[in-house]
Amino acid sequence: MICPIEHGTQGEHMVGSEVMALAAAGGMAVVQAAGTDAWTVLRDRIARLLGRGDDALQSRELERLDHSASLLGQADPERAAAVRIGEEAAWRTRFEMLLESLPEQERAVAVAELREVVGAAERDTGRTTVSNHVSGGTVHGSVVQGYAVTVSGPLSAAGGTRGDTSPDTDAETGDDDGDLRPAGN
């Protein structure tokens, strides 16, 4: 289902949540494909998508994509995660801006093209997109999505140590540290 642009109370345009999630998946696809065998095909498809038939614009997008791949490939290990996060955010924003700027019919075509590009990138790089939905409740503190996280088995928010599902309590302070660890491992 394609989410249309939603109109705010003051007439401003906002991209629907599904389209924003797709833009985020596009940003992730760029970062994950850079430096892989899938890169050349992906970069060409993204440049065509963002260029929208304008050869000069498509050429600039190819330069941006190559610059991103270079940054990602040359990042020292201490800064690699920060570079990935920054590049992913930059490309997510580019996709959001594109989708937000297009008339409804063109946007529907661009959304379909971006879905196809993301799906191809996932297949070609062997990675999948993670989507989270937080609803209700109150979050105190930061919420962070990890990069390349693998979890096997159920999780417990009660804390504890591996193999122990009891709360992890500091003996001196009595504080529960709230670590998320696999339950029963």
N, C-alpha and C. Protein backbone atom coordinates (compact mmCIF):
# COMPACT_ATOMS: atom_id res chain seq x y z
N MET A 1 0.84 -1.18 0.00
CA MET A 1 0.00 0.00 0.00
C MET A 1 0.88 1.24 0.00
N ILE A 2 0.62 2.17 -0.85
CA ILE A 2 1.37 3.40 -0.93
C ILE A 2 0.70 4.44 -0.05
N CYS A 3 1.49 5.02 0.85
CA CYS A 3 0.95 6.08 1.71
C CYS A 3 1.03 7.40 0.97
N PRO A 4 -0.06 8.10 0.86
CA PRO A 4 0.01 9.41 0.22
C PRO A 4 0.67 10.41 1.15
N ILE A 5 1.03 11.54 0.60
CA ILE A 5 1.55 12.63 1.42
C ILE A 5 0.40 13.11 2.30
N GLU A 6 0.67 13.27 3.56
CA GLU A 6 -0.35 13.75 4.49
C GLU A 6 -0.22 15.26 4.59
N HIS A 7 -1.33 15.94 4.71
CA HIS A 7 -1.31 17.39 4.83
C HIS A 7 -1.44 17.75 6.30
N GLY A 8 -0.52 18.58 6.78
CA GLY A 8 -0.55 19.03 8.16
C GLY A 8 -1.60 20.11 8.35
N THR A 9 -1.75 20.56 9.58
CA THR A 9 -2.78 21.54 9.89
C THR A 9 -2.52 22.89 9.25
N GLN A 10 -1.27 23.19 8.93
CA GLN A 10 -0.96 24.48 8.34
C GLN A 10 -0.66 24.36 6.85
N GLY A 11 -1.08 23.26 6.25
CA GLY A 11 -0.92 23.09 4.81
C GLY A 11 0.43 22.54 4.40
N GLU A 12 1.36 22.31 5.35
CA GLU A 12 2.65 21.76 4.97
C GLU A 12 2.48 20.30 4.59
N HIS A 13 3.44 19.78 3.83
CA HIS A 13 3.37 18.39 3.39
C HIS A 13 4.32 17.56 4.22
N MET A 14 3.86 16.37 4.59
CA MET A 14 4.69 15.44 5.32
C MET A 14 4.57 14.09 4.63
N VAL A 15 5.67 13.35 4.56
CA VAL A 15 5.64 12.04 3.96
C VAL A 15 5.03 11.07 4.95
N GLY A 16 4.10 10.21 4.49
CA GLY A 16 3.47 9.22 5.35
C GLY A 16 4.50 8.27 5.94
N SER A 17 4.16 7.64 7.04
CA SER A 17 5.12 6.80 7.76
C SER A 17 5.64 5.63 6.93
N GLU A 18 4.82 5.07 6.08
CA GLU A 18 5.28 3.96 5.25
C GLU A 18 6.31 4.44 4.24
N VAL A 19 6.09 5.60 3.68
CA VAL A 19 7.03 6.16 2.71
C VAL A 19 8.34 6.53 3.42
N MET A 20 8.23 7.06 4.64
CA MET A 20 9.44 7.37 5.41
C MET A 20 10.24 6.11 5.71
N ALA A 21 9.54 5.02 6.04
CA ALA A 21 10.22 3.76 6.29
C ALA A 21 10.91 3.25 5.03
N LEU A 22 10.26 3.43 3.88
CA LEU A 22 10.87 3.03 2.62
C LEU A 22 12.11 3.87 2.33
N ALA A 23 12.05 5.17 2.61
CA ALA A 23 13.22 6.04 2.42
C ALA A 23 14.37 5.59 3.33
N ALA A 24 14.04 5.21 4.56
CA ALA A 24 15.07 4.71 5.48
C ALA A 24 15.68 3.41 4.96
N ALA A 25 14.85 2.54 4.41
CA ALA A 25 15.35 1.29 3.83
C ALA A 25 16.24 1.58 2.64
N GLY A 26 15.91 2.62 1.87
CA GLY A 26 16.76 3.02 0.75
C GLY A 26 18.12 3.48 1.23
N GLY A 27 18.14 4.29 2.30
CA GLY A 27 19.40 4.74 2.86
C GLY A 27 20.25 3.58 3.35
N MET A 28 19.58 2.62 4.00
CA MET A 28 20.29 1.44 4.48
C MET A 28 20.83 0.62 3.31
N ALA A 29 20.05 0.52 2.24
CA ALA A 29 20.49 -0.25 1.07
C ALA A 29 21.76 0.34 0.46
N VAL A 30 21.83 1.68 0.39
CA VAL A 30 23.02 2.33 -0.16
C VAL A 30 24.24 1.95 0.67
N VAL A 31 24.12 2.08 1.99
CA VAL A 31 25.24 1.81 2.89
C VAL A 31 25.65 0.34 2.84
N GLN A 32 24.67 -0.55 2.83
CA GLN A 32 24.99 -1.97 2.84
C GLN A 32 25.58 -2.46 1.52
N ALA A 33 25.18 -1.85 0.42
CA ALA A 33 25.66 -2.31 -0.88
C ALA A 33 27.02 -1.74 -1.25
N ALA A 34 27.39 -0.59 -0.69
CA ALA A 34 28.67 0.04 -1.03
C ALA A 34 29.80 -0.96 -0.76
N GLY A 35 30.66 -1.13 -1.75
CA GLY A 35 31.79 -2.03 -1.59
C GLY A 35 31.47 -3.49 -1.87
N THR A 36 30.24 -3.81 -2.27
CA THR A 36 29.89 -5.19 -2.59
C THR A 36 29.75 -5.34 -4.11
N ASP A 37 29.56 -6.56 -4.55
CA ASP A 37 29.35 -6.82 -5.97
C ASP A 37 28.06 -6.18 -6.47
N ALA A 38 27.11 -5.93 -5.58
CA ALA A 38 25.82 -5.35 -5.95
C ALA A 38 25.90 -3.84 -6.18
N TRP A 39 27.01 -3.20 -5.82
CA TRP A 39 27.10 -1.75 -5.81
C TRP A 39 26.85 -1.11 -7.18
N THR A 40 27.50 -1.59 -8.22
CA THR A 40 27.41 -0.94 -9.54
C THR A 40 25.97 -0.88 -10.04
N VAL A 41 25.26 -1.98 -9.94
CA VAL A 41 23.87 -2.00 -10.40
C VAL A 41 23.01 -1.10 -9.52
N LEU A 42 23.20 -1.20 -8.21
CA LEU A 42 22.40 -0.40 -7.28
C LEU A 42 22.64 1.10 -7.51
N ARG A 43 23.89 1.51 -7.62
CA ARG A 43 24.19 2.94 -7.78
C ARG A 43 23.57 3.49 -9.06
N ASP A 44 23.61 2.71 -10.14
CA ASP A 44 23.01 3.16 -11.39
C ASP A 44 21.49 3.30 -11.26
N ARG A 45 20.86 2.35 -10.60
CA ARG A 45 19.40 2.41 -10.43
C ARG A 45 18.99 3.58 -9.54
N ILE A 46 19.75 3.81 -8.47
CA ILE A 46 19.43 4.92 -7.58
C ILE A 46 19.64 6.26 -8.29
N ALA A 47 20.71 6.37 -9.06
CA ALA A 47 20.96 7.61 -9.80
C ALA A 47 19.83 7.88 -10.79
N ARG A 48 19.35 6.85 -11.47
CA ARG A 48 18.21 7.03 -12.39
C ARG A 48 16.97 7.45 -11.63
N LEU A 49 16.72 6.80 -10.48
CA LEU A 49 15.55 7.14 -9.67
C LEU A 49 15.60 8.60 -9.22
N LEU A 50 16.72 9.02 -8.68
CA LEU A 50 16.84 10.39 -8.18
C LEU A 50 16.96 11.41 -9.31
N GLY A 51 17.51 11.00 -10.46
CA GLY A 51 17.66 11.90 -11.59
C GLY A 51 16.37 12.20 -12.32
N ARG A 52 15.39 11.29 -12.21
CA ARG A 52 14.06 11.47 -12.82
C ARG A 52 14.13 11.92 -14.28
N GLY A 53 15.04 11.31 -15.06
CA GLY A 53 15.11 11.60 -16.49
C GLY A 53 16.02 12.76 -16.87
N ASP A 54 16.61 13.43 -15.90
CA ASP A 54 17.52 14.55 -16.14
C ASP A 54 18.95 14.02 -16.09
N ASP A 55 19.62 13.97 -17.27
CA ASP A 55 20.97 13.39 -17.34
C ASP A 55 21.98 14.10 -16.44
N ALA A 56 21.91 15.42 -16.37
CA ALA A 56 22.84 16.18 -15.53
C ALA A 56 22.62 15.85 -14.05
N LEU A 57 21.36 15.78 -13.64
CA LEU A 57 21.05 15.45 -12.26
C LEU A 57 21.46 14.01 -11.95
N GLN A 58 21.23 13.12 -12.88
CA GLN A 58 21.63 11.72 -12.70
C GLN A 58 23.15 11.62 -12.54
N SER A 59 23.88 12.38 -13.31
CA SER A 59 25.34 12.39 -13.20
C SER A 59 25.79 12.89 -11.82
N ARG A 60 25.14 13.94 -11.31
CA ARG A 60 25.47 14.44 -9.96
C ARG A 60 25.16 13.40 -8.89
N GLU A 61 24.07 12.66 -9.08
CA GLU A 61 23.73 11.62 -8.11
C GLU A 61 24.75 10.49 -8.14
N LEU A 62 25.25 10.15 -9.33
CA LEU A 62 26.31 9.14 -9.42
C LEU A 62 27.56 9.60 -8.66
N GLU A 63 27.89 10.88 -8.80
CA GLU A 63 29.04 11.43 -8.06
C GLU A 63 28.80 11.35 -6.55
N ARG A 64 27.60 11.68 -6.10
CA ARG A 64 27.28 11.60 -4.67
C ARG A 64 27.38 10.15 -4.17
N LEU A 65 26.85 9.23 -4.95
CA LEU A 65 26.90 7.82 -4.57
C LEU A 65 28.35 7.34 -4.50
N ASP A 66 29.16 7.71 -5.48
CA ASP A 66 30.57 7.32 -5.47
C ASP A 66 31.30 7.93 -4.27
N HIS A 67 30.96 9.17 -3.93
CA HIS A 67 31.57 9.82 -2.76
C HIS A 67 31.19 9.06 -1.49
N SER A 68 29.93 8.67 -1.37
CA SER A 68 29.49 7.89 -0.21
C SER A 68 30.24 6.57 -0.12
N ALA A 69 30.34 5.88 -1.25
CA ALA A 69 31.05 4.59 -1.26
C ALA A 69 32.50 4.77 -0.85
N SER A 70 33.10 5.85 -1.31
CA SER A 70 34.49 6.14 -0.95
C SER A 70 34.62 6.40 0.55
N LEU A 71 33.74 7.22 1.10
CA LEU A 71 33.76 7.49 2.54
C LEU A 71 33.59 6.21 3.34
N LEU A 72 32.65 5.38 2.94
CA LEU A 72 32.39 4.14 3.65
C LEU A 72 33.56 3.17 3.55
N GLY A 73 34.18 3.12 2.38
CA GLY A 73 35.30 2.20 2.17
C GLY A 73 36.58 2.64 2.85
N GLN A 74 36.76 3.95 3.05
CA GLN A 74 38.00 4.46 3.61
C GLN A 74 37.90 4.79 5.10
N ALA A 75 36.74 4.61 5.70
CA ALA A 75 36.56 4.96 7.12
C ALA A 75 37.43 4.06 7.99
N ASP A 76 38.17 4.67 8.91
CA ASP A 76 38.96 3.86 9.83
C ASP A 76 38.01 3.14 10.78
N PRO A 77 38.44 2.01 11.32
CA PRO A 77 37.56 1.19 12.15
C PRO A 77 36.89 1.94 13.31
N GLU A 78 37.58 2.91 13.87
CA GLU A 78 37.02 3.65 15.01
C GLU A 78 35.86 4.55 14.59
N ARG A 79 35.85 5.00 13.34
CA ARG A 79 34.80 5.90 12.87
C ARG A 79 33.83 5.24 11.90
N ALA A 80 34.03 3.98 11.59
CA ALA A 80 33.21 3.30 10.58
C ALA A 80 31.72 3.35 10.90
N ALA A 81 31.35 3.08 12.15
CA ALA A 81 29.93 3.08 12.52
C ALA A 81 29.33 4.47 12.35
N ALA A 82 30.06 5.50 12.76
CA ALA A 82 29.56 6.88 12.63
C ALA A 82 29.41 7.26 11.16
N VAL A 83 30.33 6.84 10.32
CA VAL A 83 30.24 7.13 8.89
C VAL A 83 29.04 6.42 8.29
N ARG A 84 28.82 5.15 8.66
CA ARG A 84 27.66 4.40 8.16
C ARG A 84 26.37 5.10 8.55
N ILE A 85 26.27 5.50 9.81
CA ILE A 85 25.06 6.16 10.29
C ILE A 85 24.83 7.47 9.54
N GLY A 86 25.89 8.25 9.36
CA GLY A 86 25.77 9.53 8.66
C GLY A 86 25.37 9.36 7.20
N GLU A 87 25.96 8.42 6.51
CA GLU A 87 25.64 8.19 5.11
C GLU A 87 24.23 7.63 4.95
N GLU A 88 23.85 6.74 5.85
CA GLU A 88 22.49 6.19 5.81
C GLU A 88 21.46 7.30 6.00
N ALA A 89 21.72 8.19 6.94
CA ALA A 89 20.80 9.32 7.18
C ALA A 89 20.75 10.27 5.99
N ALA A 90 21.90 10.53 5.39
CA ALA A 90 21.94 11.43 4.23
C ALA A 90 21.13 10.88 3.07
N TRP A 91 21.27 9.59 2.79
CA TRP A 91 20.51 9.00 1.68
C TRP A 91 19.04 8.85 2.01
N ARG A 92 18.73 8.54 3.26
CA ARG A 92 17.31 8.52 3.68
C ARG A 92 16.68 9.88 3.41
N THR A 93 17.38 10.94 3.78
CA THR A 93 16.87 12.29 3.57
C THR A 93 16.69 12.60 2.09
N ARG A 94 17.63 12.18 1.26
CA ARG A 94 17.50 12.42 -0.19
C ARG A 94 16.26 11.73 -0.73
N PHE A 95 16.03 10.49 -0.29
CA PHE A 95 14.85 9.76 -0.76
C PHE A 95 13.57 10.41 -0.24
N GLU A 96 13.56 10.82 1.02
CA GLU A 96 12.38 11.50 1.57
C GLU A 96 12.08 12.77 0.79
N MET A 97 13.12 13.56 0.51
CA MET A 97 12.92 14.82 -0.22
C MET A 97 12.37 14.56 -1.62
N LEU A 98 12.90 13.54 -2.28
CA LEU A 98 12.39 13.19 -3.61
C LEU A 98 10.92 12.83 -3.53
N LEU A 99 10.58 11.90 -2.65
CA LEU A 99 9.20 11.42 -2.59
C LEU A 99 8.24 12.51 -2.16
N GLU A 100 8.69 13.38 -1.27
CA GLU A 100 7.85 14.47 -0.80
C GLU A 100 7.60 15.51 -1.90
N SER A 101 8.55 15.66 -2.81
CA SER A 101 8.46 16.72 -3.81
C SER A 101 7.64 16.34 -5.05
N LEU A 102 7.38 15.07 -5.24
CA LEU A 102 6.73 14.63 -6.47
C LEU A 102 5.21 14.71 -6.39
N PRO A 103 4.57 15.01 -7.54
CA PRO A 103 3.11 14.92 -7.60
C PRO A 103 2.69 13.47 -7.35
N GLU A 104 1.45 13.28 -6.95
CA GLU A 104 0.97 11.97 -6.50
C GLU A 104 1.27 10.83 -7.47
N GLN A 105 0.99 11.00 -8.76
CA GLN A 105 1.21 9.90 -9.71
C GLN A 105 2.70 9.59 -9.86
N GLU A 106 3.53 10.62 -9.96
CA GLU A 106 4.97 10.40 -10.06
C GLU A 106 5.51 9.77 -8.79
N ARG A 107 4.98 10.20 -7.64
CA ARG A 107 5.41 9.65 -6.36
C ARG A 107 5.10 8.15 -6.30
N ALA A 108 3.92 7.76 -6.77
CA ALA A 108 3.56 6.35 -6.77
C ALA A 108 4.55 5.53 -7.59
N VAL A 109 4.97 6.06 -8.73
CA VAL A 109 5.95 5.37 -9.58
C VAL A 109 7.30 5.32 -8.87
N ALA A 110 7.72 6.44 -8.26
CA ALA A 110 9.01 6.49 -7.57
C ALA A 110 9.03 5.55 -6.37
N VAL A 111 7.90 5.47 -5.64
CA VAL A 111 7.81 4.55 -4.49
C VAL A 111 7.98 3.12 -4.99
N ALA A 112 7.32 2.76 -6.07
CA ALA A 112 7.45 1.41 -6.62
C ALA A 112 8.89 1.14 -7.05
N GLU A 113 9.53 2.12 -7.69
CA GLU A 113 10.93 1.96 -8.12
C GLU A 113 11.85 1.79 -6.92
N LEU A 114 11.65 2.61 -5.88
CA LEU A 114 12.50 2.51 -4.70
C LEU A 114 12.29 1.17 -3.99
N ARG A 115 11.06 0.70 -3.92
CA ARG A 115 10.80 -0.63 -3.33
C ARG A 115 11.55 -1.71 -4.10
N GLU A 116 11.51 -1.60 -5.40
CA GLU A 116 12.20 -2.59 -6.24
C GLU A 116 13.71 -2.54 -6.01
N VAL A 117 14.26 -1.33 -5.93
CA VAL A 117 15.70 -1.16 -5.70
C VAL A 117 16.09 -1.73 -4.33
N VAL A 118 15.30 -1.42 -3.30
CA VAL A 118 15.59 -1.93 -1.96
C VAL A 118 15.50 -3.46 -1.94
N GLY A 119 14.48 -4.01 -2.57
CA GLY A 119 14.34 -5.46 -2.62
C GLY A 119 15.51 -6.12 -3.33
N ALA A 120 15.93 -5.54 -4.44
CA ALA A 120 17.08 -6.08 -5.17
C ALA A 120 18.35 -5.98 -4.33
N ALA A 121 18.53 -4.87 -3.65
CA ALA A 121 19.71 -4.71 -2.79
C ALA A 121 19.72 -5.74 -1.68
N GLU A 122 18.57 -5.99 -1.09
CA GLU A 122 18.49 -7.00 -0.03
C GLU A 122 18.85 -8.38 -0.56
N ARG A 123 18.35 -8.70 -1.74
CA ARG A 123 18.67 -10.01 -2.33
C ARG A 123 20.14 -10.10 -2.69
N ASP A 124 20.66 -9.03 -3.30
CA ASP A 124 22.03 -9.06 -3.81
C ASP A 124 23.09 -8.97 -2.72
N THR A 125 22.78 -8.33 -1.60
CA THR A 125 23.76 -8.22 -0.52
C THR A 125 23.52 -9.25 0.57
N GLY A 126 22.42 -9.99 0.47
CA GLY A 126 22.11 -11.00 1.47
C GLY A 126 21.67 -10.42 2.80
N ARG A 127 21.23 -9.18 2.80
CA ARG A 127 20.80 -8.51 4.03
C ARG A 127 19.31 -8.25 3.97
N THR A 128 18.73 -8.02 5.10
CA THR A 128 17.32 -7.69 5.16
C THR A 128 17.13 -6.38 5.90
N THR A 129 16.01 -5.76 5.65
CA THR A 129 15.66 -4.51 6.30
C THR A 129 14.92 -4.81 7.59
N VAL A 130 15.24 -4.09 8.63
CA VAL A 130 14.56 -4.23 9.91
C VAL A 130 13.63 -3.05 10.06
N SER A 131 12.41 -3.33 10.44
CA SER A 131 11.43 -2.28 10.66
C SER A 131 10.92 -2.39 12.08
N ASN A 132 10.89 -1.28 12.78
CA ASN A 132 10.40 -1.27 14.15
C ASN A 132 9.18 -0.39 14.24
N HIS A 133 8.29 -0.74 15.16
CA HIS A 133 7.12 0.07 15.42
C HIS A 133 7.00 0.19 16.92
N VAL A 134 7.01 1.41 17.43
CA VAL A 134 6.84 1.65 18.85
C VAL A 134 5.49 2.32 19.02
N SER A 135 4.67 1.77 19.88
CA SER A 135 3.33 2.30 20.08
C SER A 135 3.00 2.35 21.56
N GLY A 136 2.45 3.47 21.99
CA GLY A 136 2.02 3.59 23.38
C GLY A 136 3.18 3.60 24.34
N GLY A 137 2.88 3.69 25.61
CA GLY A 137 3.92 3.66 26.63
C GLY A 137 4.77 4.92 26.63
N THR A 138 5.72 4.94 27.49
CA THR A 138 6.62 6.07 27.62
C THR A 138 8.04 5.56 27.55
N VAL A 139 8.87 6.22 26.77
CA VAL A 139 10.27 5.86 26.66
C VAL A 139 11.07 6.91 27.41
N HIS A 140 11.88 6.46 28.34
CA HIS A 140 12.75 7.36 29.09
C HIS A 140 14.16 7.10 28.61
N GLY A 141 14.76 8.07 27.94
CA GLY A 141 16.12 7.90 27.44
C GLY A 141 16.11 7.65 25.95
N SER A 142 17.24 7.24 25.44
CA SER A 142 17.44 7.06 24.01
C SER A 142 16.91 5.72 23.54
N VAL A 143 16.47 5.68 22.30
CA VAL A 143 16.11 4.44 21.63
C VAL A 143 17.06 4.33 20.46
N VAL A 144 17.80 3.24 20.37
CA VAL A 144 18.83 3.09 19.35
C VAL A 144 18.59 1.81 18.59
N GLN A 145 18.63 1.89 17.27
CA GLN A 145 18.56 0.71 16.41
C GLN A 145 19.99 0.31 16.12
N GLY A 146 20.32 -0.93 16.41
CA GLY A 146 21.67 -1.40 16.16
C GLY A 146 21.90 -1.69 14.70
N TYR A 147 23.14 -1.82 14.33
CA TYR A 147 23.52 -2.13 12.96
C TYR A 147 24.02 -3.57 12.94
N ALA A 148 23.46 -4.38 12.07
CA ALA A 148 23.86 -5.77 11.89
C ALA A 148 23.80 -6.54 13.21
N VAL A 149 22.64 -6.54 13.83
CA VAL A 149 22.42 -7.24 15.08
C VAL A 149 21.74 -8.56 14.81
N THR A 150 22.25 -9.64 15.39
CA THR A 150 21.63 -10.95 15.26
C THR A 150 21.23 -11.43 16.64
N VAL A 151 19.99 -11.85 16.79
CA VAL A 151 19.49 -12.34 18.06
C VAL A 151 18.90 -13.71 17.81
N SER A 152 19.28 -14.68 18.62
CA SER A 152 18.64 -15.99 18.53
C SER A 152 18.02 -16.29 19.88
N GLY A 153 16.81 -16.73 19.88
CA GLY A 153 16.09 -17.00 21.12
C GLY A 153 15.33 -15.79 21.58
N PRO A 154 14.41 -15.98 22.52
CA PRO A 154 13.59 -14.87 23.00
C PRO A 154 14.42 -13.90 23.85
N LEU A 155 13.96 -12.67 23.93
CA LEU A 155 14.63 -11.66 24.74
C LEU A 155 13.83 -11.40 26.01
N SER A 156 14.54 -10.98 27.03
CA SER A 156 13.90 -10.59 28.28
C SER A 156 14.32 -9.18 28.61
N ALA A 157 13.37 -8.32 28.95
CA ALA A 157 13.71 -6.96 29.36
C ALA A 157 13.97 -6.89 30.85
N ALA A 158 13.90 -8.02 31.53
CA ALA A 158 14.09 -8.05 32.97
C ALA A 158 15.55 -7.97 33.35
N GLY A 159 16.44 -8.12 32.41
CA GLY A 159 17.87 -8.10 32.72
C GLY A 159 18.35 -9.49 32.99
N GLY A 160 19.29 -9.63 33.90
CA GLY A 160 19.83 -10.94 34.23
C GLY A 160 21.06 -11.24 33.40
N THR A 161 21.59 -12.39 33.64
CA THR A 161 22.77 -12.81 32.89
C THR A 161 22.36 -13.93 31.97
N ARG A 162 23.22 -14.28 31.05
CA ARG A 162 22.90 -15.37 30.14
C ARG A 162 22.61 -16.62 30.97
N GLY A 163 21.50 -17.24 30.68
CA GLY A 163 21.11 -18.43 31.41
C GLY A 163 20.34 -18.12 32.69
N ASP A 164 20.20 -16.85 33.00
CA ASP A 164 19.49 -16.44 34.21
C ASP A 164 18.50 -15.35 33.82
N THR A 165 17.22 -15.57 34.06
CA THR A 165 16.22 -14.57 33.69
C THR A 165 15.83 -13.68 34.85
N SER A 166 16.55 -13.80 35.97
CA SER A 166 16.24 -12.93 37.10
C SER A 166 16.84 -11.55 36.86
N PRO A 167 16.26 -10.49 37.45
CA PRO A 167 16.79 -9.15 37.24
C PRO A 167 18.25 -9.06 37.66
N ASP A 168 19.02 -8.30 36.89
CA ASP A 168 20.43 -8.06 37.17
C ASP A 168 20.50 -6.89 38.13
N THR A 169 20.72 -7.16 39.40
CA THR A 169 20.69 -6.12 40.41
C THR A 169 22.08 -5.91 40.99
N ASP A 170 22.51 -4.69 41.08
CA ASP A 170 23.80 -4.34 41.65
C ASP A 170 23.70 -4.56 43.16
N ALA A 171 24.58 -5.38 43.71
CA ALA A 171 24.53 -5.73 45.12
C ALA A 171 24.71 -4.51 46.03
N GLU A 172 25.51 -3.54 45.62
CA GLU A 172 25.76 -2.38 46.47
C GLU A 172 24.66 -1.33 46.38
N THR A 173 24.14 -1.09 45.17
CA THR A 173 23.17 -0.01 45.00
C THR A 173 21.75 -0.51 44.89
N GLY A 174 21.57 -1.79 44.56
CA GLY A 174 20.23 -2.32 44.39
C GLY A 174 19.60 -1.90 43.06
N ASP A 175 20.41 -1.34 42.14
CA ASP A 175 19.90 -0.87 40.86
C ASP A 175 19.75 -2.01 39.87
N ASP A 176 18.63 -2.03 39.19
CA ASP A 176 18.41 -2.95 38.10
C ASP A 176 18.93 -2.25 36.87
N ASP A 177 19.93 -2.82 36.16
CA ASP A 177 20.52 -2.12 35.02
C ASP A 177 19.70 -2.22 33.75
N GLY A 178 18.67 -3.04 33.70
CA GLY A 178 17.76 -3.09 32.56
C GLY A 178 18.36 -3.62 31.28
N ASP A 179 19.46 -4.37 31.35
CA ASP A 179 20.05 -4.92 30.13
C ASP A 179 19.07 -5.85 29.44
N LEU A 180 19.08 -5.83 28.11
CA LEU A 180 18.31 -6.80 27.34
C LEU A 180 19.26 -7.92 26.98
N ARG A 181 18.96 -9.11 27.40
CA ARG A 181 19.80 -10.25 27.12
C ARG A 181 18.91 -11.41 26.70
N PRO A 182 19.43 -12.34 25.92
CA PRO A 182 18.61 -13.49 25.54
C PRO A 182 18.16 -14.24 26.79
N ALA A 183 16.88 -14.54 26.85
CA ALA A 183 16.33 -15.29 27.99
C ALA A 183 16.64 -16.77 27.79
N GLY A 184 17.05 -17.43 28.83
CA GLY A 184 17.26 -18.87 28.79
C GLY A 184 18.52 -19.29 28.08
N ASN A 185 19.42 -18.38 27.78
CA ASN A 185 20.69 -18.76 27.12
C ASN A 185 21.81 -18.73 28.11
